[in-house]
Each structure stands twice: as structure tokens, then as C-alpha cells.
C-alpha atoms as a PDB file:
ATOM      1  CA  UNK A   1      50.282 -61.120 -27.971  1.00  0.00           C
ATOM      2  CA  UNK A   2      52.461 -62.775 -30.901  1.00  0.00           C
ATOM      3  CA  UNK A   3      52.392 -66.477 -31.421  1.00  0.00           C
ATOM      4  CA  UNK A   4      54.589 -68.818 -33.348  1.00  0.00           C
ATOM      5  CA  UNK A   5      52.025 -68.981 -37.047  1.00  0.00           C
ATOM      6  CA  UNK A   6      51.644 -64.932 -35.947  1.00  0.00           C
ATOM      7  CA  UNK A   7      54.451 -63.111 -35.996  1.00  0.00           C
ATOM      8  CA  UNK A   8      55.045 -60.111 -34.074  1.00  0.00           C
ATOM      9  CA  UNK A   9      55.546 -58.527 -37.782  1.00  0.00           C
ATOM     10  CA  UNK A  10      53.182 -60.626 -39.386  1.00  0.00           C
ATOM     11  CA  UNK A  11      51.301 -58.349 -36.589  1.00  0.00           C
ATOM     12  CA  UNK A  12      52.533 -55.205 -37.931  1.00  0.00           C
ATOM     13  CA  UNK A  13      51.603 -56.227 -41.566  1.00  0.00           C
ATOM     14  CA  UNK A  14      48.261 -57.141 -40.755  1.00  0.00           C
ATOM     15  CA  UNK A  15      47.380 -54.040 -38.748  1.00  0.00           C
ATOM     16  CA  UNK A  16      48.307 -51.673 -41.617  1.00  0.00           C
ATOM     17  CA  UNK A  17      45.810 -53.588 -43.988  1.00  0.00           C
ATOM     18  CA  UNK A  18      43.153 -53.893 -41.853  1.00  0.00           C
ATOM     19  CA  UNK A  19      43.766 -49.612 -41.161  1.00  0.00           C
ATOM     20  CA  UNK A  20      44.176 -48.940 -45.184  1.00  0.00           C
ATOM     21  CA  UNK A  21      40.870 -51.449 -44.966  1.00  0.00           C
ATOM     22  CA  UNK A  22      39.344 -48.911 -42.322  1.00  0.00           C
ATOM     23  CA  UNK A  23      40.370 -45.838 -44.880  1.00  0.00           C
ATOM     24  CA  UNK A  24      38.827 -47.126 -47.828  1.00  0.00           C
ATOM     25  CA  UNK A  25      35.859 -47.697 -46.083  1.00  0.00           C
ATOM     26  CA  UNK A  26      35.915 -43.404 -44.789  1.00  0.00           C
ATOM     27  CA  UNK A  27      36.868 -42.437 -48.828  1.00  0.00           C
ATOM     28  CA  UNK A  28      34.576 -43.927 -50.151  1.00  0.00           C
ATOM     29  CA  UNK A  29      31.796 -42.907 -48.159  1.00  0.00           C
ATOM     30  CA  UNK A  30      32.550 -40.019 -48.388  1.00  0.00           C
ATOM     31  CA  UNK A  31      33.181 -40.005 -52.260  1.00  0.00           C
ATOM     32  CA  UNK A  32      29.705 -42.009 -52.389  1.00  0.00           C
ATOM     33  CA  UNK A  33      31.743 -45.096 -54.275  1.00  0.00           C
ATOM     34  CA  UNK A  34      30.336 -47.905 -53.814  1.00  0.00           C
ATOM     35  CA  UNK A  35      33.081 -50.125 -55.905  1.00  0.00           C
ATOM     36  CA  UNK A  36      35.395 -48.883 -53.346  1.00  0.00           C
ATOM     37  CA  UNK A  37      32.780 -49.503 -49.867  1.00  0.00           C
ATOM     38  CA  UNK A  38      32.941 -53.061 -51.648  1.00  0.00           C
ATOM     39  CA  UNK A  39      36.582 -53.458 -50.791  1.00  0.00           C
ATOM     40  CA  UNK A  40      35.875 -53.429 -46.882  1.00  0.00           C
ATOM     41  CA  UNK A  41      33.419 -55.391 -46.685  1.00  0.00           C
ATOM     42  CA  UNK A  42      33.255 -59.656 -46.772  1.00  0.00           C
ATOM     43  CA  UNK A  43      30.443 -59.715 -49.347  1.00  0.00           C
ATOM     44  CA  UNK A  44      28.360 -61.101 -46.617  1.00  0.00           C
ATOM     45  CA  UNK A  45      28.723 -58.841 -43.909  1.00  0.00           C
ATOM     46  CA  UNK A  46      26.655 -57.310 -41.740  1.00  0.00           C
ATOM     47  CA  UNK A  47      26.908 -53.422 -40.464  1.00  0.00           C
ATOM     48  CA  UNK A  48      24.363 -52.729 -37.656  1.00  0.00           C
ATOM     49  CA  UNK A  49      24.992 -49.024 -38.116  1.00  0.00           C
ATOM     50  CA  UNK A  50      22.726 -47.249 -35.778  1.00  0.00           C
ATOM     51  CA  UNK A  51      19.117 -47.383 -37.336  1.00  0.00           C
ATOM     52  CA  UNK A  52      20.543 -49.565 -39.709  1.00  0.00           C
ATOM     53  CA  UNK A  53      20.564 -53.548 -39.801  1.00  0.00           C
ATOM     54  CA  UNK A  54      21.220 -55.790 -42.295  1.00  0.00           C
ATOM     55  CA  UNK A  55      23.487 -56.531 -44.987  1.00  0.00           C
ATOM     56  CA  UNK A  56      26.164 -55.227 -46.197  1.00  0.00           C
ATOM     57  CA  UNK A  57      24.798 -54.443 -50.067  1.00  0.00           C
ATOM     58  CA  UNK A  58      21.380 -53.000 -48.144  1.00  0.00           C
ATOM     59  CA  UNK A  59      23.448 -50.662 -46.392  1.00  0.00           C
ATOM     60  CA  UNK A  60      25.311 -49.317 -49.171  1.00  0.00           C
ATOM     61  CA  UNK A  61      21.947 -48.844 -50.916  1.00  0.00           C
ATOM     62  CA  UNK A  62      20.354 -47.324 -47.498  1.00  0.00           C
ATOM     63  CA  UNK A  63      23.635 -44.948 -46.742  1.00  0.00           C
ATOM     64  CA  UNK A  64      23.972 -44.223 -49.925  1.00  0.00           C
ATOM     65  CA  UNK A  65      20.670 -42.420 -50.900  1.00  0.00           C
ATOM     66  CA  UNK A  66      21.105 -41.429 -46.834  1.00  0.00           C
ATOM     67  CA  UNK A  67      23.761 -39.300 -47.874  1.00  0.00           C
ATOM     68  CA  UNK A  68      22.771 -38.105 -51.329  1.00  0.00           C
ATOM     69  CA  UNK A  69      22.156 -34.672 -50.507  1.00  0.00           C
ATOM     70  CA  UNK A  70      25.280 -34.585 -48.312  1.00  0.00           C
ATOM     71  CA  UNK A  71      28.060 -33.394 -47.729  1.00  0.00           C
ATOM     72  CA  UNK A  72      30.150 -35.787 -45.398  1.00  0.00           C
ATOM     73  CA  UNK A  73      33.648 -36.062 -44.055  1.00  0.00           C
ATOM     74  CA  UNK A  74      34.269 -39.038 -42.171  1.00  0.00           C
ATOM     75  CA  UNK A  75      37.589 -38.501 -39.872  1.00  0.00           C
ATOM     76  CA  UNK A  76      39.288 -41.824 -37.409  1.00  0.00           C
ATOM     77  CA  UNK A  77      41.376 -41.672 -34.758  1.00  0.00           C
ATOM     78  CA  UNK A  78      42.596 -43.985 -32.260  1.00  0.00           C
ATOM     79  CA  UNK A  79      41.333 -47.768 -33.777  1.00  0.00           C
ATOM     80  CA  UNK A  80      43.211 -50.596 -31.451  1.00  0.00           C
ATOM     81  CA  UNK A  81      42.974 -53.783 -33.494  1.00  0.00           C
ATOM     82  CA  UNK A  82      43.219 -56.820 -30.962  1.00  0.00           C
ATOM     83  CA  UNK A  83      43.776 -61.375 -32.741  1.00  0.00           C
ATOM     84  CA  UNK A  84      41.426 -63.678 -32.160  1.00  0.00           C
ATOM     85  CA  UNK A  85      44.036 -65.610 -34.866  1.00  0.00           C
ATOM     86  CA  UNK A  86      46.327 -65.165 -37.362  1.00  0.00           C
ATOM     87  CA  UNK A  87      43.063 -65.142 -39.597  1.00  0.00           C
ATOM     88  CA  UNK A  88      40.237 -63.445 -37.140  1.00  0.00           C
ATOM     89  CA  UNK A  89      40.776 -59.693 -36.036  1.00  0.00           C
ATOM     90  CA  UNK A  90      39.172 -57.141 -33.909  1.00  0.00           C
ATOM     91  CA  UNK A  91      38.743 -53.325 -33.933  1.00  0.00           C
ATOM     92  CA  UNK A  92      37.888 -50.184 -31.928  1.00  0.00           C
ATOM     93  CA  UNK A  93      37.849 -47.575 -33.815  1.00  0.00           C
ATOM     94  CA  UNK A  94      37.293 -43.401 -33.370  1.00  0.00           C
ATOM     95  CA  UNK A  95      35.544 -41.398 -35.550  1.00  0.00           C
ATOM     96  CA  UNK A  96      34.331 -38.965 -36.429  1.00  0.00           C
ATOM     97  CA  UNK A  97      31.472 -38.420 -38.821  1.00  0.00           C
ATOM     98  CA  UNK A  98      30.765 -35.150 -40.646  1.00  0.00           C
ATOM     99  CA  UNK A  99      27.828 -34.299 -42.364  1.00  0.00           C
ATOM    100  CA  UNK A 100      26.347 -31.294 -43.638  1.00  0.00           C
ATOM    101  CA  UNK A 101      22.637 -31.947 -45.000  1.00  0.00           C
ATOM    102  CA  UNK A 102      19.230 -30.410 -45.785  1.00  0.00           C
ATOM    103  CA  UNK A 103      16.301 -30.191 -43.442  1.00  0.00           C
ATOM    104  CA  UNK A 104      13.278 -28.074 -43.180  1.00  0.00           C
ATOM    105  CA  UNK A 105      14.989 -25.047 -42.696  1.00  0.00           C
ATOM    106  CA  UNK A 106      18.207 -24.840 -44.673  1.00  0.00           C
ATOM    107  CA  UNK A 107      21.295 -26.753 -44.616  1.00  0.00           C
ATOM    108  CA  UNK A 108      22.174 -28.252 -40.845  1.00  0.00           C
ATOM    109  CA  UNK A 109      25.448 -29.881 -39.800  1.00  0.00           C
ATOM    110  CA  UNK A 110      25.624 -32.275 -37.760  1.00  0.00           C
ATOM    111  CA  UNK A 111      28.680 -33.736 -36.234  1.00  0.00           C
ATOM    112  CA  UNK A 112      28.294 -37.884 -34.904  1.00  0.00           C
ATOM    113  CA  UNK A 113      31.224 -38.572 -32.717  1.00  0.00           C
ATOM    114  CA  UNK A 114      31.365 -42.353 -31.685  1.00  0.00           C
ATOM    115  CA  UNK A 115      33.615 -45.839 -32.826  1.00  0.00           C
ATOM    116  CA  UNK A 116      33.354 -48.282 -34.934  1.00  0.00           C
ATOM    117  CA  UNK A 117      33.574 -51.601 -33.455  1.00  0.00           C
ATOM    118  CA  UNK A 118      34.582 -54.815 -36.339  1.00  0.00           C
ATOM    119  CA  UNK A 119      35.272 -57.936 -36.653  1.00  0.00           C
ATOM    120  CA  UNK A 120      37.138 -58.684 -39.082  1.00  0.00           C
ATOM    121  CA  UNK A 121      38.913 -61.399 -41.316  1.00  0.00           C
ATOM    122  CA  UNK A 122      41.395 -62.706 -43.463  1.00  0.00           C
ATOM    123  CA  UNK A 123      41.320 -64.491 -46.159  1.00  0.00           C
ATOM    124  CA  UNK A 124      44.526 -64.772 -48.745  1.00  0.00           C
ATOM    125  CA  UNK A 125      46.361 -62.212 -47.104  1.00  0.00           C
ATOM    126  CA  UNK A 126      43.227 -59.967 -47.697  1.00  0.00           C
ATOM    127  CA  UNK A 127      41.789 -58.031 -44.863  1.00  0.00           C
ATOM    128  CA  UNK A 128      37.910 -57.172 -44.838  1.00  0.00           C
ATOM    129  CA  UNK A 129      34.917 -56.208 -42.106  1.00  0.00           C
ATOM    130  CA  UNK A 130      32.435 -59.152 -41.623  1.00  0.00           C
ATOM    131  CA  UNK A 131      30.511 -57.392 -38.784  1.00  0.00           C
ATOM    132  CA  UNK A 132      30.345 -53.632 -37.606  1.00  0.00           C
ATOM    133  CA  UNK A 133      28.808 -52.201 -35.178  1.00  0.00           C
ATOM    134  CA  UNK A 134      29.034 -48.236 -35.293  1.00  0.00           C
ATOM    135  CA  UNK A 135      28.277 -46.611 -31.680  1.00  0.00           C
ATOM    136  CA  UNK A 136      26.917 -42.692 -31.427  1.00  0.00           C
ATOM    137  CA  UNK A 137      28.839 -41.340 -28.309  1.00  0.00           C
ATOM    138  CA  UNK A 138      28.255 -37.697 -28.989  1.00  0.00           C
ATOM    139  CA  UNK A 139      26.557 -36.302 -31.084  1.00  0.00           C
ATOM    140  CA  UNK A 140      25.624 -32.114 -32.101  1.00  0.00           C
ATOM    141  CA  UNK A 141      23.336 -30.602 -35.031  1.00  0.00           C
ATOM    142  CA  UNK A 142      23.542 -26.490 -36.154  1.00  0.00           C
ATOM    143  CA  UNK A 143      22.609 -24.790 -38.496  1.00  0.00           C
ATOM    144  CA  UNK A 144      25.670 -24.425 -41.300  1.00  0.00           C
ATOM    145  CA  UNK A 145      27.290 -21.612 -41.993  1.00  0.00           C
ATOM    146  CA  UNK A 146      29.026 -22.528 -45.314  1.00  0.00           C
ATOM    147  CA  UNK A 147      27.536 -20.988 -48.716  1.00  0.00           C
ATOM    148  CA  UNK A 148      28.344 -23.192 -51.685  1.00  0.00           C
ATOM    149  CA  UNK A 149      26.578 -20.719 -53.967  1.00  0.00           C
ATOM    150  CA  UNK A 150      28.317 -17.304 -53.166  1.00  0.00           C
ATOM    151  CA  UNK A 151      30.951 -17.916 -50.433  1.00  0.00           C
ATOM    152  CA  UNK A 152      34.597 -17.609 -50.483  1.00  0.00           C
ATOM    153  CA  UNK A 153      35.072 -21.348 -51.158  1.00  0.00           C
ATOM    154  CA  UNK A 154      31.928 -21.642 -54.402  1.00  0.00           C
ATOM    155  CA  UNK A 155      34.214 -21.145 -56.955  1.00  0.00           C
ATOM    156  CA  UNK A 156      37.141 -23.300 -56.126  1.00  0.00           C
ATOM    157  CA  UNK A 157      37.970 -26.102 -58.368  1.00  0.00           C
ATOM    158  CA  UNK A 158      38.990 -29.006 -55.528  1.00  0.00           C
ATOM    159  CA  UNK A 159      35.344 -28.248 -53.202  1.00  0.00           C
ATOM    160  CA  UNK A 160      34.738 -32.267 -52.110  1.00  0.00           C
ATOM    161  CA  UNK A 161      32.374 -34.181 -54.055  1.00  0.00           C
ATOM    162  CA  UNK A 162      31.272 -37.994 -54.923  1.00  0.00           C
ATOM    163  CA  UNK A 163      32.529 -39.695 -57.736  1.00  0.00           C
ATOM    164  CA  UNK A 164      33.561 -39.702 -60.594  1.00  0.00           C
ATOM    165  CA  UNK A 165      33.653 -34.993 -59.509  1.00  0.00           C
ATOM    166  CA  UNK A 166      35.811 -35.310 -56.211  1.00  0.00           C
ATOM    167  CA  UNK A 167      38.848 -34.468 -57.708  1.00  0.00           C
ATOM    168  CA  UNK A 168      40.996 -37.590 -55.939  1.00  0.00           C
ATOM    169  CA  UNK A 169      39.095 -39.174 -59.690  1.00  0.00           C
ATOM    170  CA  UNK A 170      41.448 -36.393 -62.148  1.00  0.00           C
ATOM    171  CA  UNK A 171      44.327 -35.523 -59.313  1.00  0.00           C
ATOM    172  CA  UNK A 172      46.590 -38.352 -59.819  1.00  0.00           C
ATOM    173  CA  UNK A 173      44.872 -39.067 -63.029  1.00  0.00           C
ATOM    174  CA  UNK A 174      47.643 -39.505 -65.789  1.00  0.00           C
ATOM    175  CA  UNK A 175      50.148 -39.233 -63.050  1.00  0.00           C
ATOM    176  CA  UNK A 176      53.023 -41.484 -62.224  1.00  0.00           C
END
């Protein structure tokens, strides 16, 4: 419910800023770009991420090391934002996180469905996560059928990847 100090229009603007913050997290994770990830969290934030719980700087170290040999793809779905005040909000965001990883038997697709339960704070005009708890609602694991050496997409120039090789870092370069 909008209050006089937090108008309906301001709530819409704040919700969009929160959604963009969530999207930056996905981009940073999939591109393995620590600088982008850092824009989604306040420096003193806490992340409770399945087997990890602690300061966000340690989470970046943990997750970037864990995914070093993985291809990942985070897709966000339903996003429900509720304001506790004009500078505090809670968001429940559904996600699907696909990971292609190396296991003893070869490559495996590991897909997690769940929700991010985030506490956001607004400082100045910027919204960022101050605390995140990740749920795992479903998951699946199966042998990967992707062949990045000889398969139909092995030679394409626009394969997704990490910073700085991913097309994100060159497709828009020097273009208005």
C-alpha cells in the first residue's frame, strides 16, 4: 500500500530498480564477472546460498571457484516485491539455474528450481541486496548431450562464456 512518503509512482520506480538489481546478479553470475555481482549487494551483505552462508565477499569467492569449469544460465521468473518502508523491501524471486559441469562420468546438466528470498535496502537512490536466502524447490541431474568441441554449436563466435570472452563484452563495444 502506498503511503504519502512512498507514492505509487515511487513504488513502481523502486520495484523496477530492484528487478534490475536481480538481473545484474544473474548477468554477473553467468558471466562470472565479480564487478557486476558486487553491484547487486551492499558490501556488508550476507548470502545464505544452499551449502554456503556468510559475507557476500566470501560468497563471490566460493561461487566463482565452484563454477570455474561450468557453463551457467540463470533465468528469473515471478518477482514479488513488498515494501517494509520507503527504504526497505522484501522480494521473492523464482529462478531456474542451469549448470553444465564436469563429474566423474563426464559432463552433467544440473538444474535447480527455487526462489531467492531477499531483503533489500535503498541507500540514496540505489537498491541492493542486504541479505539473501536461496531455496531449492526442485532439482534434476542428467548426462549432458552438449558437445562444445564437435557439436553443431562448437564453432559459433557467439558462445556464451565468462568475462571478457563473452559476446556481452564486445557486441556493444564502440556502438551507440
